[in-house]
Amino acid sequence: SILAEADVYMNTGKGSAPDMMDVLNLDCQGCEYNLIPALSDEEFDAIPNVMGNVHWGYIPLSKLPSSERGKQTHERLCQHETIAKTAKECCAFLNTPVKSNVPGEVLYRDINNRREVVTVSDVIEEGLCKDFDKWSADHYMNAIK
């Protein structure tokens, strides 16, 4: 994977890389669309906390990745509480379960004496999805081949 090649994720004996990553901070102005899909499911699931920004709405049209790559990236990132709270892109995944940004904490809500997993719709900023259909069309979220 991309992290293993960079000797960041696994200790391959070439350097002093940690055996695991505690936090992945994404603030790379669009590189998340190359980095996140390049991680295996096992590698991505092993990162307990992902934070930072998602940049679909800020990337020039000529530089946007495919909509499929965008969807894969957003779907993975929106599983993390810190991203799900503020990323407009997460409005496309409102029913996606969310992982807590506190390691080891599981997010549940009690409804009628039933425990239910917290989803993006439970944590996303109020009003953020109000104009999502227009925003996603204006930013070609589902139109890039």
Protein backbone atom coordinates (compact mmCIF):
# COMPACT_ATOMS: atom_id res chain seq x y z
CA SER A 1 0.00 0.00 0.00
CA ILE A 2 0.98 3.64 -0.22
CA LEU A 3 1.73 3.89 3.53
CA ALA A 4 3.80 0.73 3.53
CA GLU A 5 5.78 1.97 0.54
CA ALA A 6 6.47 5.19 2.43
CA ASP A 7 7.54 3.09 5.44
CA VAL A 8 4.98 5.02 7.49
CA TYR A 9 2.49 2.36 8.47
CA MET A 10 4.37 -0.87 9.04
CA ASN A 11 7.85 -1.33 10.40
CA THR A 12 9.59 -3.01 7.51
CA GLY A 13 12.98 -2.89 9.14
CA LYS A 14 14.13 -0.04 6.90
CA GLY A 15 13.36 2.66 9.42
CA SER A 16 11.77 3.34 12.75
CA ALA A 17 8.18 3.51 11.58
CA PRO A 18 5.53 2.68 14.20
CA ASP A 19 3.59 -0.57 14.08
CA MET A 20 0.37 1.43 13.98
CA MET A 21 -0.89 4.92 13.36
CA ASP A 22 -2.97 6.65 16.05
CA VAL A 23 -4.17 9.62 14.00
CA LEU A 24 -4.29 10.45 10.31
CA ASN A 25 -4.57 14.21 9.81
CA LEU A 26 -5.69 15.05 6.28
CA ASP A 27 -5.08 18.60 5.20
CA CYS A 28 -3.45 18.01 1.86
CA GLN A 29 -5.61 20.03 -0.55
CA GLY A 30 -7.00 17.07 -2.47
CA CYS A 31 -4.38 14.36 -1.96
CA GLU A 32 -6.96 12.46 0.11
CA TYR A 33 -8.41 11.24 -3.21
CA ASN A 34 -5.16 9.38 -3.90
CA LEU A 35 -4.25 8.41 -0.34
CA ILE A 36 -7.52 7.02 1.05
CA PRO A 37 -8.41 4.69 -1.89
CA ALA A 38 -4.81 3.40 -1.90
CA LEU A 39 -5.17 2.03 1.64
CA SER A 40 -6.36 -1.53 2.03
CA ASP A 41 -9.51 -2.03 4.12
CA GLU A 42 -7.35 -3.53 6.86
CA GLU A 43 -5.00 -0.53 6.91
CA PHE A 44 -7.78 2.05 6.87
CA ASP A 45 -9.82 0.26 9.53
CA ALA A 46 -6.74 0.12 11.78
CA ILE A 47 -6.50 3.93 11.97
CA PRO A 48 -8.60 4.85 15.00
CA ASN A 49 -8.86 8.58 14.36
CA VAL A 50 -9.01 10.44 11.06
CA MET A 51 -9.26 14.21 11.11
CA GLY A 52 -8.72 17.12 8.76
CA ASN A 53 -10.56 18.35 5.72
CA VAL A 54 -12.17 17.05 2.57
CA HIS A 55 -11.65 19.27 -0.46
CA TRP A 56 -14.03 18.18 -3.26
CA GLY A 57 -15.75 21.56 -3.41
CA TYR A 58 -12.43 23.41 -3.72
CA ILE A 59 -10.66 21.41 -6.41
CA PRO A 60 -10.81 22.90 -9.93
CA LEU A 61 -13.00 20.86 -12.28
CA SER A 62 -10.03 19.97 -14.49
CA LYS A 63 -8.27 18.36 -11.51
CA LEU A 64 -11.15 16.47 -9.89
CA PRO A 65 -10.72 12.71 -9.52
CA SER A 66 -13.41 10.41 -10.84
CA SER A 67 -16.74 10.49 -9.03
CA GLU A 68 -16.21 6.84 -8.11
CA ARG A 69 -12.86 7.65 -6.45
CA GLY A 70 -14.51 10.59 -4.71
CA LYS A 71 -17.35 8.38 -3.46
CA GLN A 72 -14.93 5.75 -2.13
CA THR A 73 -12.90 8.45 -0.35
CA HIS A 74 -15.93 10.21 1.13
CA GLU A 75 -17.59 6.99 2.24
CA ARG A 76 -14.48 5.94 4.14
CA LEU A 77 -13.74 9.35 5.65
CA CYS A 78 -17.32 9.97 6.73
CA GLN A 79 -17.06 6.98 9.08
CA HIS A 80 -14.93 9.16 11.37
CA GLU A 81 -16.69 11.54 13.76
CA THR A 82 -14.37 14.50 13.21
CA ILE A 83 -14.86 14.40 9.42
CA ALA A 84 -18.57 13.52 9.57
CA LYS A 85 -19.37 16.58 11.67
CA THR A 86 -18.17 19.19 9.19
CA ALA A 87 -17.71 17.73 5.69
CA LYS A 88 -20.53 18.59 3.31
CA GLU A 89 -19.51 15.54 1.27
CA CYS A 90 -20.79 13.38 4.16
CA CYS A 91 -24.36 14.47 3.37
CA ALA A 92 -24.29 11.70 0.74
CA PHE A 93 -23.75 9.11 3.50
CA LEU A 94 -26.19 10.08 6.24
CA ASN A 95 -26.87 6.45 7.26
CA THR A 96 -23.18 5.53 7.58
CA PRO A 97 -22.17 4.45 11.11
CA VAL A 98 -19.68 6.82 12.74
CA LYS A 99 -16.59 5.93 14.79
CA SER A 100 -15.84 8.06 17.83
CA ASN A 101 -12.85 10.37 17.76
CA VAL A 102 -12.04 9.07 21.25
CA PRO A 103 -10.07 5.81 20.87
CA GLY A 104 -11.99 2.85 22.23
CA GLU A 105 -15.27 4.74 22.61
CA VAL A 106 -18.27 3.38 20.74
CA LEU A 107 -20.96 5.84 19.69
CA TYR A 108 -24.49 4.69 20.47
CA ARG A 109 -27.78 6.46 21.05
CA ASP A 110 -30.69 5.20 23.08
CA ILE A 111 -34.06 5.30 21.31
CA ASN A 112 -37.09 3.79 23.04
CA ASN A 113 -34.85 1.68 25.28
CA ARG A 114 -32.93 0.36 22.26
CA ARG A 115 -29.28 1.02 21.59
CA GLU A 116 -28.61 2.16 18.05
CA VAL A 117 -25.35 2.98 16.36
CA VAL A 118 -24.74 6.68 15.77
CA THR A 119 -24.72 7.64 12.08
CA VAL A 120 -23.54 10.65 10.11
CA SER A 121 -27.03 12.18 10.36
CA ASP A 122 -26.66 12.22 14.16
CA VAL A 123 -23.37 14.15 14.25
CA ILE A 124 -23.29 16.36 11.14
CA GLU A 125 -23.61 20.11 11.73
CA GLU A 126 -27.19 21.31 11.67
CA GLY A 127 -28.15 22.78 8.31
CA LEU A 128 -25.01 21.57 6.51
CA CYS A 129 -27.02 19.28 4.20
CA LYS A 130 -29.78 21.80 3.49
CA ASP A 131 -28.61 22.58 -0.06
CA PHE A 132 -26.63 19.39 -0.64
CA ASP A 133 -28.39 18.31 -3.86
CA LYS A 134 -27.64 21.65 -5.52
CA TRP A 135 -24.10 21.75 -4.09
CA SER A 136 -23.28 18.23 -5.28
CA ALA A 137 -24.62 19.00 -8.78
CA ASP A 138 -22.73 22.32 -8.92
CA HIS A 139 -19.53 20.49 -7.91
CA TYR A 140 -20.00 17.49 -10.26
CA MET A 141 -19.92 14.93 -7.43
CA ASN A 142 -21.61 12.28 -9.57
CA ALA A 143 -20.58 13.42 -13.03
CA ILE A 144 -16.82 12.86 -13.37
CA LYS A 145 -15.84 9.73 -15.29
